[in-house]
C-alpha atoms as a PDB file:
ATOM      1  CA  MET A   1     -12.137   8.484 -22.053  1.00  0.00           C
ATOM      2  CA  MET A   2     -13.100   4.873 -21.456  1.00  0.00           C
ATOM      3  CA  MET A   3      -9.905   3.700 -23.149  1.00  0.00           C
ATOM      4  CA  LEU A   4      -8.078   5.218 -20.170  1.00  0.00           C
ATOM      5  CA  ARG A   5      -9.975   2.994 -17.738  1.00  0.00           C
ATOM      6  CA  GLU A   6      -7.999  -0.205 -18.384  1.00  0.00           C
ATOM      7  CA  PRO A   7      -4.488   1.244 -17.891  1.00  0.00           C
ATOM      8  CA  ILE A   8      -5.573   3.219 -14.806  1.00  0.00           C
ATOM      9  CA  LEU A   9      -7.270   0.128 -13.394  1.00  0.00           C
ATOM     10  CA  ALA A  10      -4.109  -1.920 -14.038  1.00  0.00           C
ATOM     11  CA  VAL A  11      -1.998   0.637 -12.145  1.00  0.00           C
ATOM     12  CA  HIS A  12      -4.590   0.714  -9.354  1.00  0.00           C
ATOM     13  CA  ILE A  13      -4.644  -3.071  -8.971  1.00  0.00           C
ATOM     14  CA  ALA A  14      -0.853  -3.380  -9.177  1.00  0.00           C
ATOM     15  CA  SER A  15      -0.227  -0.648  -6.610  1.00  0.00           C
ATOM     16  CA  GLY A  16      -2.945  -1.950  -4.292  1.00  0.00           C
ATOM     17  CA  SER A  17      -1.482  -5.444  -4.514  1.00  0.00           C
ATOM     18  CA  ALA A  18       1.985  -4.085  -3.804  1.00  0.00           C
ATOM     19  CA  GLY A  19       0.632  -2.264  -0.746  1.00  0.00           C
ATOM     20  CA  LEU A  20      -1.009  -5.442   0.525  1.00  0.00           C
ATOM     21  CA  ILE A  21       2.368  -7.192   0.310  1.00  0.00           C
ATOM     22  CA  LEU A  22       4.519  -4.325   1.598  1.00  0.00           C
ATOM     23  CA  GLY A  23       2.346  -3.623   4.659  1.00  0.00           C
ATOM     24  CA  PRO A  24       3.056  -6.897   6.481  1.00  0.00           C
ATOM     25  CA  LEU A  25       6.705  -6.800   5.383  1.00  0.00           C
ATOM     26  CA  ALA A  26       7.098  -3.385   7.048  1.00  0.00           C
ATOM     27  CA  MET A  27       5.132  -4.511  10.110  1.00  0.00           C
ATOM     28  CA  ARG A  28       7.373  -7.558  10.591  1.00  0.00           C
ATOM     29  CA  ALA A  29      10.694  -5.846   9.804  1.00  0.00           C
ATOM     30  CA  PRO A  30      12.916  -4.818  12.726  1.00  0.00           C
ATOM     31  CA  LYS A  31      11.972  -1.281  13.769  1.00  0.00           C
ATOM     32  CA  ARG A  32      15.152   0.568  12.902  1.00  0.00           C
ATOM     33  CA  ARG A  33      16.657   2.289   9.924  1.00  0.00           C
ATOM     34  CA  GLY A  34      17.169  -0.028   7.002  1.00  0.00           C
ATOM     35  CA  ARG A  35      14.617  -2.541   5.793  1.00  0.00           C
ATOM     36  CA  HIS A  36      11.686  -1.125   7.788  1.00  0.00           C
ATOM     37  CA  THR A  37      12.264   2.424   6.599  1.00  0.00           C
ATOM     38  CA  ARG A  38      12.904   1.409   2.955  1.00  0.00           C
ATOM     39  CA  ILE A  39       9.734  -0.686   2.839  1.00  0.00           C
ATOM     40  CA  GLY A  40       7.776   2.062   4.620  1.00  0.00           C
ATOM     41  CA  GLU A  41       8.983   4.674   2.148  1.00  0.00           C
ATOM     42  CA  THR A  42       7.923   2.467  -0.762  1.00  0.00           C
ATOM     43  CA  TYR A  43       4.588   1.732   0.930  1.00  0.00           C
ATOM     44  CA  HIS A  44       3.907   5.476   1.212  1.00  0.00           C
ATOM     45  CA  TRP A  45       4.496   6.041  -2.519  1.00  0.00           C
ATOM     46  CA  VAL A  46       2.414   2.970  -3.391  1.00  0.00           C
ATOM     47  CA  MET A  47      -0.470   4.368  -1.306  1.00  0.00           C
ATOM     48  CA  LEU A  48      -0.195   7.686  -3.156  1.00  0.00           C
ATOM     49  CA  THR A  49      -0.404   5.767  -6.436  1.00  0.00           C
ATOM     50  CA  VAL A  50      -3.473   3.880  -5.182  1.00  0.00           C
ATOM     51  CA  CYS A  51      -5.096   7.208  -4.285  1.00  0.00           C
ATOM     52  CA  VAL A  52      -4.318   8.945  -7.575  1.00  0.00           C
ATOM     53  CA  SER A  53      -5.465   5.949  -9.627  1.00  0.00           C
ATOM     54  CA  ALA A  54      -8.682   5.675  -7.564  1.00  0.00           C
ATOM     55  CA  VAL A  55      -9.420   9.347  -8.198  1.00  0.00           C
ATOM     56  CA  GLY A  56      -8.753   8.754 -11.903  1.00  0.00           C
ATOM     57  CA  LEU A  57     -11.145   5.801 -11.973  1.00  0.00           C
ATOM     58  CA  SER A  58     -13.761   7.865 -10.134  1.00  0.00           C
ATOM     59  CA  ALA A  59     -13.452  10.690 -12.636  1.00  0.00           C
ATOM     60  CA  LEU A  60     -14.088   8.289 -15.507  1.00  0.00           C
ATOM     61  CA  ALA A  61     -17.357   7.018 -13.990  1.00  0.00           C
ATOM     62  CA  TRP A  62     -18.273   9.872 -11.642  1.00  0.00           C
ATOM     63  CA  SER A  63     -22.014   9.245 -11.436  1.00  0.00           C
ATOM     64  CA  ARG A  64     -21.456   5.602 -10.399  1.00  0.00           C
ATOM     65  CA  ILE A  65     -18.339   5.677  -8.189  1.00  0.00           C
ATOM     66  CA  TRP A  66     -17.828   9.290  -7.063  1.00  0.00           C
ATOM     67  CA  TRP A  67     -17.677   8.002  -3.473  1.00  0.00           C
ATOM     68  CA  LEU A  68     -14.341   6.308  -4.229  1.00  0.00           C
ATOM     69  CA  THR A  69     -12.623   9.712  -4.260  1.00  0.00           C
ATOM     70  CA  PRO A  70     -13.157  10.678  -0.583  1.00  0.00           C
ATOM     71  CA  ILE A  71     -12.373   7.106   0.523  1.00  0.00           C
ATOM     72  CA  ALA A  72      -9.136   7.115  -1.488  1.00  0.00           C
ATOM     73  CA  VAL A  73      -8.088  10.533  -0.207  1.00  0.00           C
ATOM     74  CA  PHE A  74      -8.843   9.575   3.406  1.00  0.00           C
ATOM     75  CA  SER A  75      -6.913   6.300   3.007  1.00  0.00           C
ATOM     76  CA  TYR A  76      -3.890   8.100   1.604  1.00  0.00           C
ATOM     77  CA  ALA A  77      -4.179  10.797   4.277  1.00  0.00           C
ATOM     78  CA  ASN A  78      -3.668   8.074   6.884  1.00  0.00           C
ATOM     79  CA  ALA A  79      -0.521   6.842   5.142  1.00  0.00           C
ATOM     80  CA  PHE A  80       0.705  10.428   4.731  1.00  0.00           C
ATOM     81  CA  VAL A  81       0.252  11.181   8.437  1.00  0.00           C
ATOM     82  CA  GLY A  82       2.192   8.026   9.314  1.00  0.00           C
ATOM     83  CA  TYR A  83       4.895   8.836   6.786  1.00  0.00           C
ATOM     84  CA  LEU A  84       5.330  12.437   7.962  1.00  0.00           C
ATOM     85  CA  ALA A  85       5.392  11.379  11.608  1.00  0.00           C
ATOM     86  CA  ALA A  86       8.298   9.028  10.894  1.00  0.00           C
ATOM     87  CA  LYS A  87      10.111  11.580   8.729  1.00  0.00           C
ATOM     88  CA  HIS A  88       9.964  14.418  11.265  1.00  0.00           C
ATOM     89  CA  ARG A  89      10.040  12.374  14.506  1.00  0.00           C
ATOM     90  CA  ARG A  90       8.629  15.086  16.721  1.00  0.00           C
ATOM     91  CA  ALA A  91       7.668  14.289  20.311  1.00  0.00           C
ATOM     92  CA  GLY A  92       5.059  11.538  20.347  1.00  0.00           C
ATOM     93  CA  TRP A  93       5.645  10.665  16.665  1.00  0.00           C
ATOM     94  CA  LEU A  94       5.268   6.930  17.078  1.00  0.00           C
ATOM     95  CA  ARG A  95       1.539   6.969  17.834  1.00  0.00           C
ATOM     96  CA  PRO A  96       0.548   8.811  14.616  1.00  0.00           C
ATOM     97  CA  HIS A  97       3.062   6.727  12.654  1.00  0.00           C
ATOM     98  CA  ILE A  98       1.573   3.421  13.754  1.00  0.00           C
ATOM     99  CA  GLY A  99      -2.009   4.692  13.563  1.00  0.00           C
ATOM    100  CA  GLY A 100      -1.603   6.298  10.161  1.00  0.00           C
ATOM    101  CA  MET A 101       0.191   3.425   8.490  1.00  0.00           C
ATOM    102  CA  GLY A 102      -2.061   0.878  10.187  1.00  0.00           C
ATOM    103  CA  GLY A 103      -5.192   2.800   9.217  1.00  0.00           C
ATOM    104  CA  SER A 104      -4.121   2.954   5.588  1.00  0.00           C
ATOM    105  CA  TYR A 105      -3.494  -0.788   5.612  1.00  0.00           C
ATOM    106  CA  ILE A 106      -6.985  -1.371   7.034  1.00  0.00           C
ATOM    107  CA  ALA A 107      -8.303   0.628   4.055  1.00  0.00           C
ATOM    108  CA  LEU A 108      -6.395  -1.585   1.603  1.00  0.00           C
ATOM    109  CA  VAL A 109      -7.731  -4.781   3.160  1.00  0.00           C
ATOM    110  CA  THR A 110     -11.262  -3.344   3.231  1.00  0.00           C
ATOM    111  CA  ALA A 111     -11.023  -2.509  -0.479  1.00  0.00           C
ATOM    112  CA  LEU A 112      -9.737  -6.003  -1.264  1.00  0.00           C
ATOM    113  CA  LEU A 113     -12.665  -7.642   0.540  1.00  0.00           C
ATOM    114  CA  VAL A 114     -15.358  -5.305  -0.781  1.00  0.00           C
ATOM    115  CA  VAL A 115     -14.190  -5.475  -4.407  1.00  0.00           C
ATOM    116  CA  ASN A 116     -13.718  -9.236  -4.439  1.00  0.00           C
ATOM    117  CA  PHE A 117     -16.932 -10.082  -2.582  1.00  0.00           C
ATOM    118  CA  GLY A 118     -19.118  -7.321  -3.997  1.00  0.00           C
ATOM    119  CA  GLY A 119     -19.618  -5.507  -0.699  1.00  0.00           C
ATOM    120  CA  ARG A 120     -22.079  -8.160   0.432  1.00  0.00           C
ATOM    121  CA  PRO A 121     -22.469  -8.978   3.199  1.00  0.00           C
ATOM    122  CA  LEU A 122     -22.141  -5.473   4.601  1.00  0.00           C
ATOM    123  CA  ILE A 123     -19.944  -6.772   7.450  1.00  0.00           C
ATOM    124  CA  LEU A 124     -17.057  -6.975   4.942  1.00  0.00           C
ATOM    125  CA  TRP A 125     -16.816  -3.184   5.169  1.00  0.00           C
ATOM    126  CA  PHE A 126     -16.178  -3.449   8.922  1.00  0.00           C
ATOM    127  CA  ILE A 127     -14.183  -6.656   9.535  1.00  0.00           C
ATOM    128  CA  PRO A 128     -10.761  -5.087   8.746  1.00  0.00           C
ATOM    129  CA  THR A 129     -11.450  -2.214  11.165  1.00  0.00           C
ATOM    130  CA  LEU A 130     -12.754  -4.555  13.867  1.00  0.00           C
ATOM    131  CA  VAL A 131      -9.641  -6.728  13.554  1.00  0.00           C
ATOM    132  CA  GLY A 132      -7.071  -4.032  12.775  1.00  0.00           C
ATOM    133  CA  THR A 133      -7.952  -1.425  15.389  1.00  0.00           C
ATOM    134  CA  PRO A 134      -7.070  -3.614  18.404  1.00  0.00           C
ATOM    135  CA  ILE A 135      -3.840  -4.640  16.663  1.00  0.00           C
ATOM    136  CA  ILE A 136      -2.921  -0.984  16.138  1.00  0.00           C
ATOM    137  CA  ALA A 137      -3.798  -0.210  19.779  1.00  0.00           C
ATOM    138  CA  LEU A 138      -1.631  -3.099  20.980  1.00  0.00           C
ATOM    139  CA  ALA A 139       1.296  -2.073  18.759  1.00  0.00           C
ATOM    140  CA  THR A 140       1.017   1.524  19.961  1.00  0.00           C
ATOM    141  CA  ALA A 141       0.903   0.421  23.608  1.00  0.00           C
ATOM    142  CA  ARG A 142       3.923  -1.849  23.161  1.00  0.00           C
ATOM    143  CA  ALA A 143       5.891   0.859  21.366  1.00  0.00           C
ATOM    144  CA  SER A 144       5.190   3.441  24.069  1.00  0.00           C
ATOM    145  CA  VAL A 145       6.485   1.217  26.902  1.00  0.00           C
ATOM    146  CA  ARG A 146       9.549  -0.036  25.039  1.00  0.00           C
ATOM    147  CA  PRO A 147      12.642   1.944  26.043  1.00  0.00           C
ATOM    148  CA  ARG A 148      14.005   3.925  23.117  1.00  0.00           C
ATOM    149  CA  LEU A 149      17.168   5.849  22.539  1.00  0.00           C
ATOM    150  CA  GLY A 150      16.116   9.041  20.804  1.00  0.00           C
ATOM    151  CA  ARG A 151      18.442  11.664  19.425  1.00  0.00           C
ATOM    152  CA  SER A 152      18.158  13.820  22.556  1.00  0.00           C
ATOM    153  CA  SER A 153      18.986  10.972  24.988  1.00  0.00           C
ATOM    154  CA  VAL A 154      22.041  10.006  22.924  1.00  0.00           C
ATOM    155  CA  ALA A 155      23.256  13.607  22.892  1.00  0.00           C
ATOM    156  CA  ARG A 156      22.873  13.933  26.681  1.00  0.00           C
ATOM    157  CA  SER A 157      24.793  10.742  27.415  1.00  0.00           C
ATOM    158  CA  SER A 158      27.833  11.785  25.327  1.00  0.00           C
END
């Protein structure tokens, strides 16, 4: 069993690193089909890989790191909510898209800090949320006041 740890850990680190790079690229990309949506799609699958590999690592050392499983599932759930919101684009979709993707990115940054600094001081668990939450709120506020041409408004103007 322990011989599985190294390859799973390698996948976990690689996918987490990819997510840390892809997140800001998606955030900075123009918000339209193309680069933003391609990067976002990739980010979603990377977050699923991070989740599955975290669950695998937890299973290998359950008594020590069982708590990684609910954190990983919750982190991926955020990305999944954001991904589905963008895919289905129902009324009000932008708020869960920004919140879900942003929340999953906060989880990645939290993991990076906690793993690399050993979780001490305890504030490392909270800094990404304290910094990221106002950024998500600002992005959501800006997106909701920006005029948008949705499918229904295009159809009515034709």
